[in-house]
Amino acid sequence: MATPRKTSDAPVQADLWETADTLVGVDLKDKKELEGTAFRITEIRFEQNDRDVQYAYVTAEFRNGESFEFNDSSKNGVHGQLVKFLQASDVAIDYRTGEVHTVNLVIPNGLRVSTFPVTDERGKNKIATTYYLTQTPPKK
């Protein structure tokens, strides 16, 4: 049976909170939170996991300066769009290095979402979700 702490230990515990280390970084956003909300992409990093799934890790910020990150692995959605964007600028992408690509890319209306039925590798029907970067219409 555990022994209850003495009340005299309380200040020691509070000191531990005050002197503890914290992780420094930016929040990982759920892409659903980015639907319809403008943001600016500042960095893109590409990696491949142990199952050979390729990911784009995106660092971005809202107009108010709040930074955040999100990731995407869709070949036709955000990941695919970012690959095409960098390739159009003759930027080579190497999924093995995790190299960070600095960009200045405004996404005017945030993300948009598409849901559609698919059959997975086990034959089970489910709804898939793909997120896309919104685009500015071409100038005439």
Protein backbone atom coordinates (compact mmCIF):
# COMPACT_ATOMS: atom_id res chain seq x y z
CA MET A 1 0.00 0.00 0.00
CA ALA A 2 1.31 3.45 -0.93
CA THR A 3 2.19 5.83 1.83
CA PRO A 4 0.48 9.22 1.59
CA ARG A 5 2.83 12.20 1.22
CA LYS A 6 3.19 14.62 4.03
CA THR A 7 1.77 18.06 3.43
CA SER A 8 5.26 19.46 4.05
CA ASP A 9 6.32 17.88 0.70
CA ALA A 10 3.90 20.11 -1.27
CA PRO A 11 6.32 23.04 -1.76
CA VAL A 12 8.97 20.64 -3.06
CA GLN A 13 6.55 19.31 -5.68
CA ALA A 14 5.62 22.87 -6.72
CA ASP A 15 9.33 23.68 -7.12
CA LEU A 16 9.69 20.72 -9.48
CA TRP A 17 7.02 22.21 -11.74
CA GLU A 18 8.70 25.61 -11.71
CA THR A 19 12.16 24.23 -12.56
CA ALA A 20 11.09 21.54 -15.04
CA ASP A 21 12.20 21.61 -18.66
CA THR A 22 9.62 22.13 -21.41
CA LEU A 23 9.61 21.22 -25.06
CA VAL A 24 9.97 24.16 -27.39
CA GLY A 25 8.30 24.04 -30.78
CA VAL A 26 5.04 24.63 -32.55
CA ASP A 27 1.70 22.87 -32.30
CA LEU A 28 0.79 20.04 -34.64
CA LYS A 29 -2.57 20.98 -36.14
CA ASP A 30 -5.27 18.62 -37.25
CA LYS A 31 -5.86 19.45 -40.92
CA LYS A 32 -9.58 19.79 -40.17
CA GLU A 33 -8.68 22.96 -38.20
CA LEU A 34 -7.15 24.46 -41.37
CA GLU A 35 -10.22 24.20 -43.58
CA GLY A 36 -11.15 27.64 -44.95
CA THR A 37 -8.47 29.47 -42.92
CA ALA A 38 -5.69 31.29 -44.79
CA PHE A 39 -2.09 30.51 -43.85
CA ARG A 40 1.44 30.81 -45.20
CA ILE A 41 3.77 27.83 -45.63
CA THR A 42 7.33 28.64 -44.57
CA GLU A 43 9.03 25.23 -44.65
CA ILE A 44 8.45 21.81 -46.19
CA ARG A 45 10.28 18.62 -45.26
CA PHE A 46 9.78 15.26 -46.95
CA GLU A 47 10.36 11.88 -45.29
CA GLN A 48 9.49 8.25 -45.86
CA ASN A 49 8.46 5.96 -43.00
CA ASP A 50 9.28 2.28 -42.39
CA ARG A 51 6.25 1.22 -44.47
CA ASP A 52 7.54 3.28 -47.44
CA VAL A 53 4.81 5.89 -47.06
CA GLN A 54 6.08 9.31 -48.16
CA TYR A 55 5.11 12.34 -46.08
CA ALA A 56 5.28 16.09 -46.41
CA TYR A 57 5.83 17.84 -43.07
CA VAL A 58 4.69 21.45 -43.32
CA THR A 59 5.61 24.37 -41.08
CA ALA A 60 3.27 27.31 -41.52
CA GLU A 61 1.82 30.37 -39.85
CA PHE A 62 -1.44 32.22 -39.66
CA ARG A 63 -1.60 35.92 -40.53
CA ASN A 64 -1.37 36.75 -36.79
CA GLY A 65 2.06 35.08 -36.67
CA GLU A 66 1.01 31.91 -34.81
CA SER A 67 3.16 29.05 -36.12
CA PHE A 68 2.00 25.45 -36.50
CA GLU A 69 2.81 22.23 -38.30
CA PHE A 70 0.87 19.51 -40.07
CA ASN A 71 1.71 16.54 -42.26
CA ASP A 72 0.18 14.82 -45.24
CA SER A 73 0.89 11.69 -47.28
CA SER A 74 -1.70 11.92 -50.06
CA LYS A 75 -0.30 11.56 -53.57
CA ASN A 76 -3.02 13.80 -55.02
CA GLY A 77 -3.64 16.12 -52.08
CA VAL A 78 -1.36 18.42 -50.08
CA HIS A 79 1.69 16.16 -50.35
CA GLY A 80 1.32 15.80 -54.12
CA GLN A 81 0.66 19.51 -54.60
CA LEU A 82 3.81 20.44 -52.67
CA VAL A 83 5.93 17.97 -54.65
CA LYS A 84 4.69 19.53 -57.90
CA PHE A 85 5.26 23.06 -56.55
CA LEU A 86 8.90 22.34 -55.70
CA GLN A 87 9.57 20.33 -58.85
CA ALA A 88 8.28 23.26 -60.93
CA SER A 89 11.10 25.28 -59.32
CA ASP A 90 13.63 22.53 -60.17
CA VAL A 91 14.00 21.56 -56.49
CA ALA A 92 15.08 17.96 -56.00
CA ILE A 93 13.25 16.06 -53.27
CA ASP A 94 15.08 13.34 -51.36
CA TYR A 95 12.87 11.48 -48.88
CA ARG A 96 15.93 9.92 -47.21
CA THR A 97 17.52 13.15 -45.97
CA GLY A 98 14.61 15.05 -44.47
CA GLU A 99 16.04 18.23 -45.99
CA VAL A 100 14.07 21.36 -45.12
CA HIS A 101 12.93 23.47 -48.07
CA THR A 102 12.29 27.12 -47.16
CA VAL A 103 9.35 28.60 -49.08
CA ASN A 104 6.98 31.55 -48.95
CA LEU A 105 3.68 30.09 -50.15
CA VAL A 106 0.33 31.64 -49.20
CA ILE A 107 -2.66 29.31 -49.09
CA PRO A 108 -5.43 31.89 -49.52
CA ASN A 109 -8.39 29.92 -48.23
CA GLY A 110 -6.67 27.25 -46.19
CA LEU A 111 -7.37 23.62 -46.93
CA ARG A 112 -10.36 22.11 -48.63
CA VAL A 113 -11.45 18.54 -48.05
CA SER A 114 -12.76 15.79 -50.26
CA THR A 115 -14.32 12.58 -48.94
CA PHE A 116 -15.07 9.55 -51.06
CA PRO A 117 -15.79 5.81 -50.69
CA VAL A 118 -12.90 3.35 -51.12
CA THR A 119 -12.30 -0.34 -50.60
CA ASP A 120 -9.21 -1.06 -48.50
CA GLU A 121 -6.69 -3.87 -49.02
CA ARG A 122 -8.86 -6.21 -46.87
CA GLY A 123 -11.92 -5.60 -49.03
CA LYS A 124 -13.58 -3.38 -46.42
CA ASN A 125 -15.55 -0.35 -47.63
CA LYS A 126 -14.73 2.93 -45.91
CA ILE A 127 -14.70 6.68 -46.45
CA ALA A 128 -11.34 8.22 -47.38
CA THR A 129 -10.42 11.86 -46.80
CA THR A 130 -8.00 13.93 -48.86
CA TYR A 131 -7.05 17.51 -48.07
CA TYR A 132 -5.98 19.99 -50.75
CA LEU A 133 -4.26 23.37 -50.62
CA THR A 134 -6.59 26.07 -51.94
CA GLN A 135 -5.31 27.99 -54.92
CA THR A 136 -5.58 31.49 -56.31
CA PRO A 137 -7.32 31.60 -59.71
CA PRO A 138 -4.96 32.41 -62.60
CA LYS A 139 -4.82 36.09 -63.62
CA LYS A 140 -6.41 36.89 -66.98
